[in-house]
């Protein structure tokens, strides 16, 4: 988690959202904004 700090990684905000959304999905829930989740994951993969 230390490597994910906002000071060390400019993508901290997106990575934190992806991590939270993946936890929701793993528990059978849905992200508040599925399109934003997909956009963040796609940006990470590029």
N, C-alpha and C. Protein backbone atom coordinates (compact mmCIF):
# COMPACT_ATOMS: atom_id res chain seq x y z
N UNK A 1 0.81 -1.19 0.00
CA UNK A 1 0.00 0.00 0.00
C UNK A 1 0.86 1.26 0.00
N UNK A 2 2.06 1.17 0.58
CA UNK A 2 2.92 2.35 0.60
C UNK A 2 3.27 2.80 -0.81
N UNK A 3 3.42 1.86 -1.74
CA UNK A 3 3.75 2.22 -3.12
C UNK A 3 2.57 2.88 -3.82
N UNK A 4 1.37 2.75 -3.27
CA UNK A 4 0.20 3.36 -3.87
C UNK A 4 -0.08 4.77 -3.34
N UNK A 5 0.79 5.27 -2.48
CA UNK A 5 0.53 6.59 -1.90
C UNK A 5 0.44 7.65 -2.99
N UNK A 6 -0.36 8.65 -2.75
CA UNK A 6 -0.59 9.71 -3.74
C UNK A 6 0.70 10.43 -4.09
N UNK A 7 1.63 10.54 -3.14
CA UNK A 7 2.89 11.22 -3.41
C UNK A 7 3.79 10.40 -4.33
N UNK A 8 3.73 9.08 -4.20
CA UNK A 8 4.62 8.21 -4.97
C UNK A 8 4.05 7.84 -6.33
N UNK A 9 2.75 7.94 -6.49
CA UNK A 9 2.14 7.49 -7.74
C UNK A 9 1.06 8.48 -8.18
N UNK A 10 1.25 9.09 -9.34
CA UNK A 10 0.26 10.06 -9.82
C UNK A 10 -1.09 9.43 -10.17
N UNK A 11 -1.14 8.11 -10.26
CA UNK A 11 -2.38 7.41 -10.61
C UNK A 11 -3.07 6.84 -9.38
N UNK A 12 -2.68 7.31 -8.21
CA UNK A 12 -3.21 6.78 -6.95
C UNK A 12 -4.74 6.79 -6.92
N UNK A 13 -5.34 7.90 -7.31
CA UNK A 13 -6.80 8.05 -7.24
C UNK A 13 -7.48 6.96 -8.07
N UNK A 14 -7.02 6.75 -9.30
CA UNK A 14 -7.62 5.74 -10.17
C UNK A 14 -7.37 4.33 -9.64
N UNK A 15 -6.16 4.07 -9.16
CA UNK A 15 -5.85 2.74 -8.63
C UNK A 15 -6.69 2.42 -7.40
N UNK A 16 -6.90 3.41 -6.54
CA UNK A 16 -7.72 3.20 -5.35
C UNK A 16 -9.17 2.90 -5.74
N UNK A 17 -9.68 3.62 -6.73
CA UNK A 17 -11.04 3.36 -7.19
C UNK A 17 -11.16 1.96 -7.80
N UNK A 18 -10.18 1.55 -8.60
CA UNK A 18 -10.20 0.22 -9.20
C UNK A 18 -10.20 -0.85 -8.10
N UNK A 19 -9.36 -0.68 -7.11
CA UNK A 19 -9.28 -1.64 -6.02
C UNK A 19 -10.61 -1.75 -5.28
N UNK A 20 -11.23 -0.62 -4.99
CA UNK A 20 -12.52 -0.60 -4.31
C UNK A 20 -13.60 -1.25 -5.17
N UNK A 21 -13.63 -0.88 -6.45
CA UNK A 21 -14.65 -1.45 -7.35
C UNK A 21 -14.47 -2.95 -7.52
N UNK A 22 -13.23 -3.43 -7.56
CA UNK A 22 -13.00 -4.87 -7.67
C UNK A 22 -13.48 -5.59 -6.42
N UNK A 23 -13.31 -4.97 -5.27
CA UNK A 23 -13.83 -5.57 -4.03
C UNK A 23 -15.35 -5.66 -4.07
N UNK A 24 -15.99 -4.60 -4.56
CA UNK A 24 -17.44 -4.64 -4.72
C UNK A 24 -17.88 -5.77 -5.65
N UNK A 25 -17.20 -5.89 -6.77
CA UNK A 25 -17.54 -6.93 -7.74
C UNK A 25 -17.33 -8.33 -7.15
N UNK A 26 -16.26 -8.49 -6.39
CA UNK A 26 -15.97 -9.79 -5.78
C UNK A 26 -17.04 -10.20 -4.79
N UNK A 27 -17.68 -9.22 -4.17
CA UNK A 27 -18.75 -9.49 -3.20
C UNK A 27 -20.12 -9.57 -3.84
N UNK A 28 -20.16 -9.45 -5.18
CA UNK A 28 -21.43 -9.57 -5.87
C UNK A 28 -22.14 -8.25 -6.11
N UNK A 29 -21.50 -7.14 -5.76
CA UNK A 29 -22.10 -5.83 -5.96
C UNK A 29 -21.67 -5.24 -7.30
N UNK A 30 -22.13 -4.02 -7.53
CA UNK A 30 -21.78 -3.30 -8.74
C UNK A 30 -21.21 -1.93 -8.38
N UNK A 31 -20.21 -1.47 -9.13
CA UNK A 31 -19.69 -0.12 -8.89
C UNK A 31 -20.79 0.92 -9.14
N UNK A 32 -20.67 2.06 -8.47
CA UNK A 32 -21.65 3.14 -8.67
C UNK A 32 -21.69 3.59 -10.12
N UNK A 33 -20.53 3.60 -10.77
CA UNK A 33 -20.43 4.04 -12.16
C UNK A 33 -19.63 2.99 -12.95
N UNK A 34 -20.31 1.96 -13.45
CA UNK A 34 -19.60 0.89 -14.17
C UNK A 34 -18.79 1.39 -15.37
N UNK A 35 -19.28 2.40 -16.07
CA UNK A 35 -18.55 2.92 -17.23
C UNK A 35 -17.23 3.55 -16.79
N UNK A 36 -17.22 4.24 -15.67
CA UNK A 36 -15.98 4.84 -15.16
C UNK A 36 -15.00 3.76 -14.74
N UNK A 37 -15.53 2.68 -14.15
CA UNK A 37 -14.67 1.55 -13.77
C UNK A 37 -13.97 0.96 -14.99
N UNK A 38 -14.73 0.72 -16.03
CA UNK A 38 -14.17 0.15 -17.27
C UNK A 38 -13.13 1.11 -17.86
N UNK A 39 -13.43 2.39 -17.84
CA UNK A 39 -12.51 3.39 -18.37
C UNK A 39 -11.18 3.38 -17.58
N UNK A 40 -11.26 3.28 -16.26
CA UNK A 40 -10.05 3.25 -15.42
C UNK A 40 -9.23 1.98 -15.70
N UNK A 41 -9.91 0.84 -15.80
CA UNK A 41 -9.20 -0.42 -16.06
C UNK A 41 -8.54 -0.37 -17.44
N UNK A 42 -9.26 0.12 -18.42
CA UNK A 42 -8.68 0.21 -19.77
C UNK A 42 -7.47 1.14 -19.79
N UNK A 43 -7.54 2.26 -19.09
CA UNK A 43 -6.41 3.19 -19.03
C UNK A 43 -5.21 2.52 -18.36
N UNK A 44 -5.47 1.70 -17.36
CA UNK A 44 -4.39 1.00 -16.68
C UNK A 44 -3.73 -0.02 -17.60
N UNK A 45 -4.53 -0.67 -18.44
CA UNK A 45 -4.00 -1.69 -19.35
C UNK A 45 -3.20 -1.10 -20.50
N UNK A 46 -3.45 0.15 -20.81
CA UNK A 46 -2.74 0.79 -21.91
C UNK A 46 -1.42 1.21 -21.40
